[in-house]
Amino acid sequence: MNAPRLSVIVNNYNYVGYVAQAIESALPQLLPGDELIVVDDGSSDGSRAVIEDFGSHPQVRLHFRDNGGQVQAVCAGVAMAEGDCIALLDADDYYLPGYLDRVRQTWVEDPELDYVFSRAQIVGDGQAGRLMGGALTRMEFPPGVLGPSRYAARLFNEFVSSPTSGVVVRKTLALQVGRMVPALTAIREHWRQDTGAAAGRTRDFSYDGVLARVASMLDAKKHYLAEAGFAYRIHGANRFARMTRLQRYRENQLRRRGMLEAMEAAQLPMAGLSVSGLLNEVRTRRWPLHRRRRLRLHLEYLRALGQVPGSWWSRAGVALSLVGSAVLTLFRSPA
């Protein structure tokens, strides 16, 4: 198989100080047939002038739109894209040298892949940097194909991915998120009208959060690259980096319900749940490298058993399998 044509989508909102570096990190890594699409989501900080400086490049396309949130902005870029695969890049991050070449080679070696994601390199220090560094460490997996995670995404919102800038996805999969935009937008507006919740005025979906979970729920074939592919910049506007773990958990559960509603509204094909399917996932998936996260996932699967149809003895079989795997994790794995 030839290397896939890549459409790099840079989404920007008020990152005038960072967006040029993001674009400049991607341009040297483009091959003939690739493109770079910059979507500005209604910035008011002078970003447009910076972005327009790149408009004469033959592989760059620009799209300026009214502010509508990250999901709508990225989906607008996906709709414009002509490549086989979509490489995502937040305007406040940047690619590390050689990253897109590694992605291409991964796809050449396994043309059936749907989703490739890589480890992040933290740029920034302070408490937020340390907290985010710990969160990213818990996201790491053994390199290679990861196996199924449909039940984990659907039942307790597991995030099998890196942040936006480390993700390259088959375009046909990215288009599925586009089908969800009307429902996601309606849910977002409902949150923002909820004056009883302090977070309601700013609560939103993130594109990587939606894409990673929808891809898992649609049984996309995911591959993890252990070598860092992008720089994840920590700064004052990183809302996720400033959340406590409890706040993240509550936000994730709210978004999980919203994503399931949006998938149903978009009529995306969600397979049914069964104990045998859950058992297959537990036995064939790849577990995170971080031991405590693996143990928490075992506990989440045990809790989820009550949501899966099946007899008590078949559920007991899954529970025994999880307990055995947890014991092995506890005694054989590094912390």
C-alpha atoms as a PDB file:
ATOM      1  CA  MET A   1       0.000   0.000   0.000  1.00  0.00           C
ATOM      2  CA  ASN A   2       1.140   3.548  -0.741  1.00  0.00           C
ATOM      3  CA  ALA A   3       1.302   6.019   2.132  1.00  0.00           C
ATOM      4  CA  PRO A   4      -2.069   7.723   2.710  1.00  0.00           C
ATOM      5  CA  ARG A   5      -2.551  11.320   1.650  1.00  0.00           C
ATOM      6  CA  LEU A   6      -2.780  13.462   4.775  1.00  0.00           C
ATOM      7  CA  SER A   7      -4.977  16.460   5.468  1.00  0.00           C
ATOM      8  CA  VAL A   8      -3.554  18.271   8.488  1.00  0.00           C
ATOM      9  CA  ILE A   9      -6.253  20.341  10.195  1.00  0.00           C
ATOM     10  CA  VAL A  10      -5.095  23.134  12.499  1.00  0.00           C
ATOM     11  CA  ASN A  11      -7.966  24.468  14.593  1.00  0.00           C
ATOM     12  CA  ASN A  12      -7.446  27.886  16.146  1.00  0.00           C
ATOM     13  CA  TYR A  13      -9.338  30.119  18.526  1.00  0.00           C
ATOM     14  CA  ASN A  14      -7.521  33.127  19.989  1.00  0.00           C
ATOM     15  CA  TYR A  15      -4.039  31.575  19.928  1.00  0.00           C
ATOM     16  CA  VAL A  16      -2.310  34.404  18.100  1.00  0.00           C
ATOM     17  CA  GLY A  17       0.941  33.737  19.962  1.00  0.00           C
ATOM     18  CA  TYR A  18       1.087  30.043  19.060  1.00  0.00           C
ATOM     19  CA  VAL A  19      -0.661  29.385  15.738  1.00  0.00           C
ATOM     20  CA  ALA A  20       2.308  30.279  13.499  1.00  0.00           C
ATOM     21  CA  GLN A  21       4.543  27.733  15.258  1.00  0.00           C
ATOM     22  CA  ALA A  22       1.860  25.061  14.864  1.00  0.00           C
ATOM     23  CA  ILE A  23       1.590  25.656  11.112  1.00  0.00           C
ATOM     24  CA  GLU A  24       5.363  25.890  10.658  1.00  0.00           C
ATOM     25  CA  SER A  25       5.851  22.566  12.457  1.00  0.00           C
ATOM     26  CA  ALA A  26       3.567  20.771   9.997  1.00  0.00           C
ATOM     27  CA  LEU A  27       4.512  22.348   6.653  1.00  0.00           C
ATOM     28  CA  PRO A  28       7.993  20.724   6.297  1.00  0.00           C
ATOM     29  CA  GLN A  29       6.444  17.302   6.991  1.00  0.00           C
ATOM     30  CA  LEU A  30       3.934  17.460   4.118  1.00  0.00           C
ATOM     31  CA  LEU A  31       4.465  15.342   1.017  1.00  0.00           C
ATOM     32  CA  PRO A  32       3.066  15.976  -2.480  1.00  0.00           C
ATOM     33  CA  GLY A  33      -0.667  15.277  -2.311  1.00  0.00           C
ATOM     34  CA  ASP A  34      -0.923  16.331   1.330  1.00  0.00           C
ATOM     35  CA  GLU A  35      -2.587  19.538   2.468  1.00  0.00           C
ATOM     36  CA  LEU A  36      -2.832  21.757   5.533  1.00  0.00           C
ATOM     37  CA  ILE A  37      -6.194  23.315   6.404  1.00  0.00           C
ATOM     38  CA  VAL A  38      -6.305  26.090   8.998  1.00  0.00           C
ATOM     39  CA  VAL A  39      -9.732  26.665  10.524  1.00  0.00           C
ATOM     40  CA  ASP A  40     -10.098  29.824  12.585  1.00  0.00           C
ATOM     41  CA  ASP A  41     -13.130  29.660  14.864  1.00  0.00           C
ATOM     42  CA  GLY A  42     -13.984  33.362  15.046  1.00  0.00           C
ATOM     43  CA  SER A  43     -10.830  34.587  16.803  1.00  0.00           C
ATOM     44  CA  SER A  44     -10.798  38.163  18.085  1.00  0.00           C
ATOM     45  CA  ASP A  45      -7.110  38.462  19.041  1.00  0.00           C
ATOM     46  CA  GLY A  46      -5.439  39.165  15.681  1.00  0.00           C
ATOM     47  CA  SER A  47      -4.998  35.499  14.734  1.00  0.00           C
ATOM     48  CA  ARG A  48      -6.496  36.081  11.304  1.00  0.00           C
ATOM     49  CA  ALA A  49      -3.635  38.308  10.167  1.00  0.00           C
ATOM     50  CA  VAL A  50      -1.065  35.716  11.255  1.00  0.00           C
ATOM     51  CA  ILE A  51      -2.937  32.905   9.522  1.00  0.00           C
ATOM     52  CA  GLU A  52      -3.384  34.871   6.288  1.00  0.00           C
ATOM     53  CA  ASP A  53       0.412  35.113   5.959  1.00  0.00           C
ATOM     54  CA  PHE A  54       0.397  31.390   5.108  1.00  0.00           C
ATOM     55  CA  GLY A  55      -2.360  31.658   2.505  1.00  0.00           C
ATOM     56  CA  SER A  56       0.016  31.795  -0.457  1.00  0.00           C
ATOM     57  CA  HIS A  57       1.546  28.405   0.277  1.00  0.00           C
ATOM     58  CA  PRO A  58       0.363  25.953  -2.397  1.00  0.00           C
ATOM     59  CA  GLN A  59      -0.578  23.248   0.121  1.00  0.00           C
ATOM     60  CA  VAL A  60      -2.358  25.535   2.601  1.00  0.00           C
ATOM     61  CA  ARG A  61      -6.084  26.256   2.626  1.00  0.00           C
ATOM     62  CA  LEU A  62      -7.710  28.723   5.013  1.00  0.00           C
ATOM     63  CA  HIS A  63     -11.202  28.773   6.453  1.00  0.00           C
ATOM     64  CA  PHE A  64     -12.524  31.574   8.657  1.00  0.00           C
ATOM     65  CA  ARG A  65     -15.837  31.042  10.431  1.00  0.00           C
ATOM     66  CA  ASP A  66     -17.964  32.460  13.241  1.00  0.00           C
ATOM     67  CA  ASN A  67     -17.264  31.012  16.655  1.00  0.00           C
ATOM     68  CA  GLY A  68     -19.065  27.726  17.240  1.00  0.00           C
ATOM     69  CA  GLY A  69     -16.716  25.611  19.313  1.00  0.00           C
ATOM     70  CA  GLN A  70     -13.916  23.156  18.603  1.00  0.00           C
ATOM     71  CA  VAL A  71     -16.113  20.295  17.398  1.00  0.00           C
ATOM     72  CA  GLN A  72     -17.799  22.413  14.745  1.00  0.00           C
ATOM     73  CA  ALA A  73     -14.493  23.979  13.704  1.00  0.00           C
ATOM     74  CA  VAL A  74     -12.697  20.666  13.197  1.00  0.00           C
ATOM     75  CA  CYS A  75     -15.720  19.140  11.437  1.00  0.00           C
ATOM     76  CA  ALA A  76     -15.713  22.094   9.028  1.00  0.00           C
ATOM     77  CA  GLY A  77     -12.088  21.280   8.217  1.00  0.00           C
ATOM     78  CA  VAL A  78     -12.853  17.582   7.781  1.00  0.00           C
ATOM     79  CA  ALA A  79     -15.635  18.447   5.337  1.00  0.00           C
ATOM     80  CA  MET A  80     -13.096  20.402   3.244  1.00  0.00           C
ATOM     81  CA  ALA A  81     -10.375  17.757   3.405  1.00  0.00           C
ATOM     82  CA  GLU A  82      -9.303  15.816   0.324  1.00  0.00           C
ATOM     83  CA  GLY A  83      -6.829  13.440   1.986  1.00  0.00           C
ATOM     84  CA  ASP A  84      -7.315   9.809   2.975  1.00  0.00           C
ATOM     85  CA  CYS A  85      -6.517  10.496   6.624  1.00  0.00           C
ATOM     86  CA  ILE A  86      -7.003  13.484   8.913  1.00  0.00           C
ATOM     87  CA  ALA A  87      -4.076  14.615  11.080  1.00  0.00           C
ATOM     88  CA  LEU A  88      -5.262  16.892  13.879  1.00  0.00           C
ATOM     89  CA  LEU A  89      -3.290  19.761  15.402  1.00  0.00           C
ATOM     90  CA  ASP A  90      -4.438  22.259  18.024  1.00  0.00           C
ATOM     91  CA  ALA A  91      -3.068  25.735  17.332  1.00  0.00           C
ATOM     92  CA  ASP A  92      -1.362  25.934  20.734  1.00  0.00           C
ATOM     93  CA  ASP A  93       0.608  22.698  20.131  1.00  0.00           C
ATOM     94  CA  TYR A  94       3.147  21.729  17.471  1.00  0.00           C
ATOM     95  CA  TYR A  95       4.425  18.599  15.746  1.00  0.00           C
ATOM     96  CA  LEU A  96       7.837  17.167  16.556  1.00  0.00           C
ATOM     97  CA  PRO A  97      10.201  16.423  13.627  1.00  0.00           C
ATOM     98  CA  GLY A  98       9.540  13.155  11.800  1.00  0.00           C
ATOM     99  CA  TYR A  99       6.112  12.583  13.310  1.00  0.00           C
ATOM    100  CA  LEU A 100       4.055  12.422  10.116  1.00  0.00           C
ATOM    101  CA  ASP A 101       6.622  10.110   8.485  1.00  0.00           C
ATOM    102  CA  ARG A 102       6.162   7.653  11.370  1.00  0.00           C
ATOM    103  CA  VAL A 103       2.400   7.853  10.945  1.00  0.00           C
ATOM    104  CA  ARG A 104       2.643   7.151   7.214  1.00  0.00           C
ATOM    105  CA  GLN A 105       4.921   4.161   7.761  1.00  0.00           C
ATOM    106  CA  THR A 106       2.547   2.765  10.403  1.00  0.00           C
ATOM    107  CA  TRP A 107      -0.336   2.925   7.925  1.00  0.00           C
ATOM    108  CA  VAL A 108       1.754   1.342   5.146  1.00  0.00           C
ATOM    109  CA  GLU A 109       2.570  -1.578   7.449  1.00  0.00           C
ATOM    110  CA  ASP A 110      -1.083  -2.024   8.470  1.00  0.00           C
ATOM    111  CA  PRO A 111      -3.522  -0.590   5.884  1.00  0.00           C
ATOM    112  CA  GLU A 112      -6.541  -1.694   7.942  1.00  0.00           C
ATOM    113  CA  LEU A 113      -5.879   0.856  10.663  1.00  0.00           C
ATOM    114  CA  ASP A 114      -8.516   3.464  11.423  1.00  0.00           C
ATOM    115  CA  TYR A 115      -6.851   5.504  14.161  1.00  0.00           C
ATOM    116  CA  VAL A 116      -3.225   6.215  15.092  1.00  0.00           C
ATOM    117  CA  PHE A 117      -2.223   8.218  18.145  1.00  0.00           C
ATOM    118  CA  SER A 118       1.091   9.078  19.752  1.00  0.00           C
ATOM    119  CA  ARG A 119       2.593  10.033  23.074  1.00  0.00           C
ATOM    120  CA  ALA A 120       2.827  13.728  23.956  1.00  0.00           C
ATOM    121  CA  GLN A 121       5.829  15.768  25.038  1.00  0.00           C
ATOM    122  CA  ILE A 122       4.866  18.302  27.725  1.00  0.00           C
ATOM    123  CA  VAL A 123       5.947  21.903  27.166  1.00  0.00           C
ATOM    124  CA  GLY A 124       5.430  23.990  30.290  1.00  0.00           C
ATOM    125  CA  ASP A 125       5.997  23.605  33.987  1.00  0.00           C
ATOM    126  CA  GLY A 126       4.357  24.551  37.233  1.00  0.00           C
ATOM    127  CA  GLN A 127       1.518  22.718  38.953  1.00  0.00           C
ATOM    128  CA  ALA A 128      -0.654  22.483  35.826  1.00  0.00           C
ATOM    129  CA  GLY A 129       2.245  20.974  33.893  1.00  0.00           C
ATOM    130  CA  ARG A 130       2.896  18.380  36.586  1.00  0.00           C
ATOM    131  CA  LEU A 131      -0.788  17.468  36.825  1.00  0.00           C
ATOM    132  CA  MET A 132      -1.146  17.152  33.066  1.00  0.00           C
ATOM    133  CA  GLY A 133       2.095  15.215  32.838  1.00  0.00           C
ATOM    134  CA  GLY A 134       0.677  12.684  35.283  1.00  0.00           C
ATOM    135  CA  ALA A 135      -2.589  12.482  33.346  1.00  0.00           C
ATOM    136  CA  LEU A 136      -0.745  11.868  30.078  1.00  0.00           C
ATOM    137  CA  THR A 137       1.412   9.188  31.693  1.00  0.00           C
ATOM    138  CA  ARG A 138      -1.773   7.346  32.639  1.00  0.00           C
ATOM    139  CA  MET A 139      -2.836   7.444  28.959  1.00  0.00           C
ATOM    140  CA  GLU A 140       0.185   5.473  27.723  1.00  0.00           C
ATOM    141  CA  PHE A 141      -0.193   1.975  26.249  1.00  0.00           C
ATOM    142  CA  PRO A 142       2.151  -0.695  24.930  1.00  0.00           C
ATOM    143  CA  PRO A 143       3.034   0.276  21.344  1.00  0.00           C
ATOM    144  CA  GLY A 144       1.031  -1.340  18.564  1.00  0.00           C
ATOM    145  CA  VAL A 145      -2.587  -2.314  17.944  1.00  0.00           C
ATOM    146  CA  LEU A 146      -4.658  -1.999  21.118  1.00  0.00           C
ATOM    147  CA  GLY A 147      -7.637  -4.263  20.576  1.00  0.00           C
ATOM    148  CA  PRO A 148     -11.283  -3.491  21.379  1.00  0.00           C
ATOM    149  CA  SER A 149     -12.462  -0.862  23.862  1.00  0.00           C
ATOM    150  CA  ARG A 150     -16.121  -0.495  22.815  1.00  0.00           C
ATOM    151  CA  TYR A 151     -17.598  -1.523  26.148  1.00  0.00           C
ATOM    152  CA  ALA A 152     -15.207   0.646  28.140  1.00  0.00           C
ATOM    153  CA  ALA A 153     -16.051   3.719  26.060  1.00  0.00           C
ATOM    154  CA  ARG A 154     -19.788   3.124  26.100  1.00  0.00           C
ATOM    155  CA  LEU A 155     -20.265   2.089  29.716  1.00  0.00           C
ATOM    156  CA  PHE A 156     -17.742   4.218  31.579  1.00  0.00           C
ATOM    157  CA  ASN A 157     -16.229   6.632  29.042  1.00  0.00           C
ATOM    158  CA  GLU A 158     -12.662   5.342  28.798  1.00  0.00           C
ATOM    159  CA  PHE A 159     -10.440   7.619  26.696  1.00  0.00           C
ATOM    160  CA  VAL A 160      -8.180   5.457  24.503  1.00  0.00           C
ATOM    161  CA  SER A 161      -6.207   8.150  22.729  1.00  0.00           C
ATOM    162  CA  SER A 162      -3.858  11.061  23.201  1.00  0.00           C
ATOM    163  CA  PRO A 163      -5.000  14.703  23.123  1.00  0.00           C
ATOM    164  CA  THR A 164      -6.083  16.165  19.779  1.00  0.00           C
ATOM    165  CA  SER A 165      -2.654  16.946  18.329  1.00  0.00           C
ATOM    166  CA  GLY A 166      -1.452  13.347  18.570  1.00  0.00           C
ATOM    167  CA  VAL A 167      -4.310  11.842  16.552  1.00  0.00           C
ATOM    168  CA  VAL A 168      -4.442  10.799  12.889  1.00  0.00           C
ATOM    169  CA  VAL A 169      -7.692   9.177  11.808  1.00  0.00           C
ATOM    170  CA  ARG A 170      -9.165   7.738   8.645  1.00  0.00           C
ATOM    171  CA  LYS A 171     -11.347  10.409   7.012  1.00  0.00           C
ATOM    172  CA  THR A 172     -14.373   8.112   6.777  1.00  0.00           C
ATOM    173  CA  LEU A 173     -14.284   7.758  10.567  1.00  0.00           C
ATOM    174  CA  ALA A 174     -13.892  11.497  11.154  1.00  0.00           C
ATOM    175  CA  LEU A 175     -16.958  12.108   8.988  1.00  0.00           C
ATOM    176  CA  GLN A 176     -19.041  10.104  11.460  1.00  0.00           C
ATOM    177  CA  VAL A 177     -18.428  12.790  14.081  1.00  0.00           C
ATOM    178  CA  GLY A 178     -19.640  15.367  11.562  1.00  0.00           C
ATOM    179  CA  ARG A 179     -22.986  13.593  11.446  1.00  0.00           C
ATOM    180  CA  MET A 180     -23.315  14.216  15.192  1.00  0.00           C
ATOM    181  CA  VAL A 181     -22.764  17.979  15.044  1.00  0.00           C
ATOM    182  CA  PRO A 182     -26.450  19.079  15.084  1.00  0.00           C
ATOM    183  CA  ALA A 183     -27.198  16.989  18.185  1.00  0.00           C
ATOM    184  CA  LEU A 184     -23.914  17.939  19.910  1.00  0.00           C
ATOM    185  CA  THR A 185     -24.625  21.616  19.240  1.00  0.00           C
ATOM    186  CA  ALA A 186     -28.117  21.336  20.718  1.00  0.00           C
ATOM    187  CA  ILE A 187     -26.778  19.632  23.851  1.00  0.00           C
ATOM    188  CA  ARG A 188     -24.031  22.243  24.176  1.00  0.00           C
ATOM    189  CA  GLU A 189     -26.575  25.073  24.005  1.00  0.00           C
ATOM    190  CA  HIS A 190     -28.729  23.353  26.617  1.00  0.00           C
ATOM    191  CA  TRP A 191     -25.736  23.231  28.970  1.00  0.00           C
ATOM    192  CA  ARG A 192     -24.990  26.897  28.375  1.00  0.00           C
ATOM    193  CA  GLN A 193     -28.556  27.900  29.181  1.00  0.00           C
ATOM    194  CA  ASP A 194     -28.451  25.983  32.450  1.00  0.00           C
ATOM    195  CA  THR A 195     -27.880  28.935  34.755  1.00  0.00           C
ATOM    196  CA  GLY A 196     -28.105  26.665  37.786  1.00  0.00           C
ATOM    197  CA  ALA A 197     -24.702  25.126  36.981  1.00  0.00           C
ATOM    198  CA  ALA A 198     -21.614  27.304  37.321  1.00  0.00           C
ATOM    199  CA  ALA A 199     -19.876  25.364  34.541  1.00  0.00           C
ATOM    200  CA  GLY A 200     -22.915  25.530  32.267  1.00  0.00           C
ATOM    201  CA  ARG A 201     -21.823  28.775  30.654  1.00  0.00           C
ATOM    202  CA  THR A 202     -18.486  27.342  29.477  1.00  0.00           C
ATOM    203  CA  ARG A 203     -19.117  23.588  29.296  1.00  0.00           C
ATOM    204  CA  ASP A 204     -18.468  22.135  25.860  1.00  0.00           C
ATOM    205  CA  PHE A 205     -17.470  18.993  24.001  1.00  0.00           C
ATOM    206  CA  SER A 206     -13.882  18.591  22.867  1.00  0.00           C
ATOM    207  CA  TYR A 207     -13.250  17.104  19.438  1.00  0.00           C
ATOM    208  CA  ASP A 208     -10.674  14.603  20.691  1.00  0.00           C
ATOM    209  CA  GLY A 209     -12.991  13.475  23.464  1.00  0.00           C
ATOM    210  CA  VAL A 210     -15.838  12.824  21.054  1.00  0.00           C
ATOM    211  CA  LEU A 211     -13.695  11.244  18.328  1.00  0.00           C
ATOM    212  CA  ALA A 212     -11.773   8.902  20.640  1.00  0.00           C
ATOM    213  CA  ARG A 213     -14.893   7.486  22.271  1.00  0.00           C
ATOM    214  CA  VAL A 214     -16.979   7.291  19.103  1.00  0.00           C
ATOM    215  CA  ALA A 215     -14.095   5.489  17.381  1.00  0.00           C
ATOM    216  CA  SER A 216     -13.973   2.969  20.224  1.00  0.00           C
ATOM    217  CA  MET A 217     -17.743   2.480  20.169  1.00  0.00           C
ATOM    218  CA  LEU A 218     -17.603   1.865  16.402  1.00  0.00           C
ATOM    219  CA  ASP A 219     -14.815  -0.721  16.901  1.00  0.00           C
ATOM    220  CA  ALA A 220     -12.175   1.304  15.078  1.00  0.00           C
ATOM    221  CA  LYS A 221      -8.752  -0.340  14.871  1.00  0.00           C
ATOM    222  CA  LYS A 222      -6.407   1.802  16.969  1.00  0.00           C
ATOM    223  CA  HIS A 223      -2.593   1.840  17.021  1.00  0.00           C
ATOM    224  CA  TYR A 224      -0.414   3.567  19.634  1.00  0.00           C
ATOM    225  CA  LEU A 225       2.980   5.118  18.829  1.00  0.00           C
ATOM    226  CA  ALA A 226       5.174   5.221  21.932  1.00  0.00           C
ATOM    227  CA  GLU A 227       7.575   7.844  20.528  1.00  0.00           C
ATOM    228  CA  ALA A 228       6.402  11.394  21.230  1.00  0.00           C
ATOM    229  CA  GLY A 229       4.875  12.949  18.124  1.00  0.00           C
ATOM    230  CA  PHE A 230       3.818  16.379  19.303  1.00  0.00           C
ATOM    231  CA  ALA A 231       4.446  19.017  21.926  1.00  0.00           C
ATOM    232  CA  TYR A 232       1.506  19.572  24.257  1.00  0.00           C
ATOM    233  CA  ARG A 233       1.727  23.113  25.543  1.00  0.00           C
ATOM    234  CA  ILE A 234       0.547  23.901  29.078  1.00  0.00           C
ATOM    235  CA  HIS A 235      -0.652  27.466  29.594  1.00  0.00           C
ATOM    236  CA  GLY A 236      -3.313  29.429  31.413  1.00  0.00           C
ATOM    237  CA  ALA A 237      -6.096  28.598  28.943  1.00  0.00           C
ATOM    238  CA  ASN A 238      -5.835  24.801  29.364  1.00  0.00           C
ATOM    239  CA  ARG A 239      -9.186  24.213  31.068  1.00  0.00           C
ATOM    240  CA  PHE A 240      -8.737  20.428  31.304  1.00  0.00           C
ATOM    241  CA  ALA A 241      -5.285  20.778  32.870  1.00  0.00           C
ATOM    242  CA  ARG A 242      -6.721  22.958  35.652  1.00  0.00           C
ATOM    243  CA  MET A 243      -9.481  20.503  36.653  1.00  0.00           C
ATOM    244  CA  THR A 244      -9.279  18.223  39.663  1.00  0.00           C
ATOM    245  CA  ARG A 245      -9.729  14.484  39.072  1.00  0.00           C
ATOM    246  CA  LEU A 246     -13.231  14.639  40.563  1.00  0.00           C
ATOM    247  CA  GLN A 247     -14.184  17.514  38.256  1.00  0.00           C
ATOM    248  CA  ARG A 248     -12.830  15.579  35.259  1.00  0.00           C
ATOM    249  CA  TYR A 249     -14.814  12.501  36.258  1.00  0.00           C
ATOM    250  CA  ARG A 250     -18.071  14.467  36.570  1.00  0.00           C
ATOM    251  CA  GLU A 251     -17.499  16.280  33.288  1.00  0.00           C
ATOM    252  CA  ASN A 252     -16.649  13.024  31.517  1.00  0.00           C
ATOM    253  CA  GLN A 253     -19.825  11.330  32.714  1.00  0.00           C
ATOM    254  CA  LEU A 254     -21.942  14.261  31.551  1.00  0.00           C
ATOM    255  CA  ARG A 255     -20.247  14.230  28.156  1.00  0.00           C
ATOM    256  CA  ARG A 256     -20.641  10.442  27.889  1.00  0.00           C
ATOM    257  CA  ARG A 257     -24.408  10.778  28.181  1.00  0.00           C
ATOM    258  CA  GLY A 258     -24.391  13.608  25.656  1.00  0.00           C
ATOM    259  CA  MET A 259     -22.300  11.616  23.166  1.00  0.00           C
ATOM    260  CA  LEU A 260     -24.593   8.597  23.408  1.00  0.00           C
ATOM    261  CA  GLU A 261     -27.611  10.842  22.777  1.00  0.00           C
ATOM    262  CA  ALA A 262     -25.864  12.418  19.787  1.00  0.00           C
ATOM    263  CA  MET A 263     -24.841   9.026  18.347  1.00  0.00           C
ATOM    264  CA  GLU A 264     -28.430   7.839  18.625  1.00  0.00           C
ATOM    265  CA  ALA A 265     -29.718  11.033  16.985  1.00  0.00           C
ATOM    266  CA  ALA A 266     -27.203  10.616  14.133  1.00  0.00           C
ATOM    267  CA  GLN A 267     -28.186   6.948  13.771  1.00  0.00           C
ATOM    268  CA  LEU A 268     -24.607   5.728  14.101  1.00  0.00           C
ATOM    269  CA  PRO A 269     -24.400   1.924  14.274  1.00  0.00           C
ATOM    270  CA  MET A 270     -23.984   0.956  17.925  1.00  0.00           C
ATOM    271  CA  ALA A 271     -23.811  -2.801  18.447  1.00  0.00           C
ATOM    272  CA  GLY A 272     -25.744  -4.367  21.317  1.00  0.00           C
ATOM    273  CA  LEU A 273     -24.231  -5.298  24.660  1.00  0.00           C
ATOM    274  CA  SER A 274     -23.693  -8.861  25.843  1.00  0.00           C
ATOM    275  CA  VAL A 275     -21.711 -10.625  28.534  1.00  0.00           C
ATOM    276  CA  SER A 276     -19.814 -12.622  25.922  1.00  0.00           C
ATOM    277  CA  GLY A 277     -18.822  -9.414  24.123  1.00  0.00           C
ATOM    278  CA  LEU A 278     -17.657  -7.846  27.371  1.00  0.00           C
ATOM    279  CA  LEU A 279     -15.627 -10.947  28.220  1.00  0.00           C
ATOM    280  CA  ASN A 280     -13.999 -10.899  24.774  1.00  0.00           C
ATOM    281  CA  GLU A 281     -12.993  -7.265  25.276  1.00  0.00           C
ATOM    282  CA  VAL A 282     -11.530  -7.958  28.718  1.00  0.00           C
ATOM    283  CA  ARG A 283      -9.472 -10.849  27.367  1.00  0.00           C
ATOM    284  CA  THR A 284      -8.254  -9.325  24.090  1.00  0.00           C
ATOM    285  CA  ARG A 285      -7.763  -5.616  24.742  1.00  0.00           C
ATOM    286  CA  ARG A 286      -4.389  -4.021  25.557  1.00  0.00           C
ATOM    287  CA  TRP A 287      -4.205  -2.532  29.020  1.00  0.00           C
ATOM    288  CA  PRO A 288      -2.545   0.808  29.902  1.00  0.00           C
ATOM    289  CA  LEU A 289       1.028   0.710  31.158  1.00  0.00           C
ATOM    290  CA  HIS A 290       0.153   2.617  34.319  1.00  0.00           C
ATOM    291  CA  ARG A 291      -0.667   0.026  36.969  1.00  0.00           C
ATOM    292  CA  ARG A 292      -3.144   2.058  39.006  1.00  0.00           C
ATOM    293  CA  ARG A 293      -5.056   3.016  35.888  1.00  0.00           C
ATOM    294  CA  ARG A 294      -5.236  -0.656  34.895  1.00  0.00           C
ATOM    295  CA  LEU A 295      -6.573  -1.576  38.310  1.00  0.00           C
ATOM    296  CA  ARG A 296      -9.168   1.216  38.124  1.00  0.00           C
ATOM    297  CA  LEU A 297     -10.252  -0.064  34.719  1.00  0.00           C
ATOM    298  CA  HIS A 298     -10.741  -3.547  36.159  1.00  0.00           C
ATOM    299  CA  LEU A 299     -12.962  -2.008  38.841  1.00  0.00           C
ATOM    300  CA  GLU A 300     -14.906  -0.033  36.220  1.00  0.00           C
ATOM    301  CA  TYR A 301     -15.533  -3.215  34.211  1.00  0.00           C
ATOM    302  CA  LEU A 302     -16.792  -4.957  37.362  1.00  0.00           C
ATOM    303  CA  ARG A 303     -19.174  -2.080  38.062  1.00  0.00           C
ATOM    304  CA  ALA A 304     -20.368  -2.141  34.452  1.00  0.00           C
ATOM    305  CA  LEU A 305     -21.426  -5.805  34.663  1.00  0.00           C
ATOM    306  CA  GLY A 306     -24.797  -4.711  35.997  1.00  0.00           C
ATOM    307  CA  GLN A 307     -25.507  -2.810  32.751  1.00  0.00           C
ATOM    308  CA  VAL A 308     -24.878  -5.812  30.481  1.00  0.00           C
ATOM    309  CA  PRO A 309     -27.612  -8.381  29.793  1.00  0.00           C
ATOM    310  CA  GLY A 310     -26.746 -11.952  30.744  1.00  0.00           C
ATOM    311  CA  SER A 311     -27.199 -14.698  33.300  1.00  0.00           C
ATOM    312  CA  TRP A 312     -25.673 -14.491  36.736  1.00  0.00           C
ATOM    313  CA  TRP A 313     -23.217 -17.338  36.062  1.00  0.00           C
ATOM    314  CA  SER A 314     -21.944 -15.747  32.843  1.00  0.00           C
ATOM    315  CA  ARG A 315     -21.422 -12.483  34.723  1.00  0.00           C
ATOM    316  CA  ALA A 316     -19.632 -14.429  37.420  1.00  0.00           C
ATOM    317  CA  GLY A 317     -17.286 -15.776  34.759  1.00  0.00           C
ATOM    318  CA  VAL A 318     -16.447 -12.255  33.617  1.00  0.00           C
ATOM    319  CA  ALA A 319     -15.936 -11.175  37.225  1.00  0.00           C
ATOM    320  CA  LEU A 320     -13.519 -14.055  37.860  1.00  0.00           C
ATOM    321  CA  SER A 321     -11.585 -13.190  34.712  1.00  0.00           C
ATOM    322  CA  LEU A 322     -11.306  -9.560  35.828  1.00  0.00           C
ATOM    323  CA  VAL A 323     -10.217 -10.495  39.332  1.00  0.00           C
ATOM    324  CA  GLY A 324      -7.560 -12.843  37.969  1.00  0.00           C
ATOM    325  CA  SER A 325      -6.270 -10.174  35.591  1.00  0.00           C
ATOM    326  CA  ALA A 326      -6.209  -7.623  38.414  1.00  0.00           C
ATOM    327  CA  VAL A 327      -4.180  -9.959  40.614  1.00  0.00           C
ATOM    328  CA  LEU A 328      -1.641 -10.425  37.820  1.00  0.00           C
ATOM    329  CA  THR A 329      -1.521  -6.662  37.357  1.00  0.00           C
ATOM    330  CA  LEU A 330      -0.898  -6.124  41.052  1.00  0.00           C
ATOM    331  CA  PHE A 331       1.942  -8.603  41.435  1.00  0.00           C
ATOM    332  CA  ARG A 332       3.647  -8.670  38.042  1.00  0.00           C
ATOM    333  CA  SER A 333       3.536  -5.113  36.770  1.00  0.00           C
ATOM    334  CA  PRO A 334       5.617  -2.061  37.653  1.00  0.00           C
ATOM    335  CA  ALA A 335       3.898   0.851  39.373  1.00  0.00           C
END
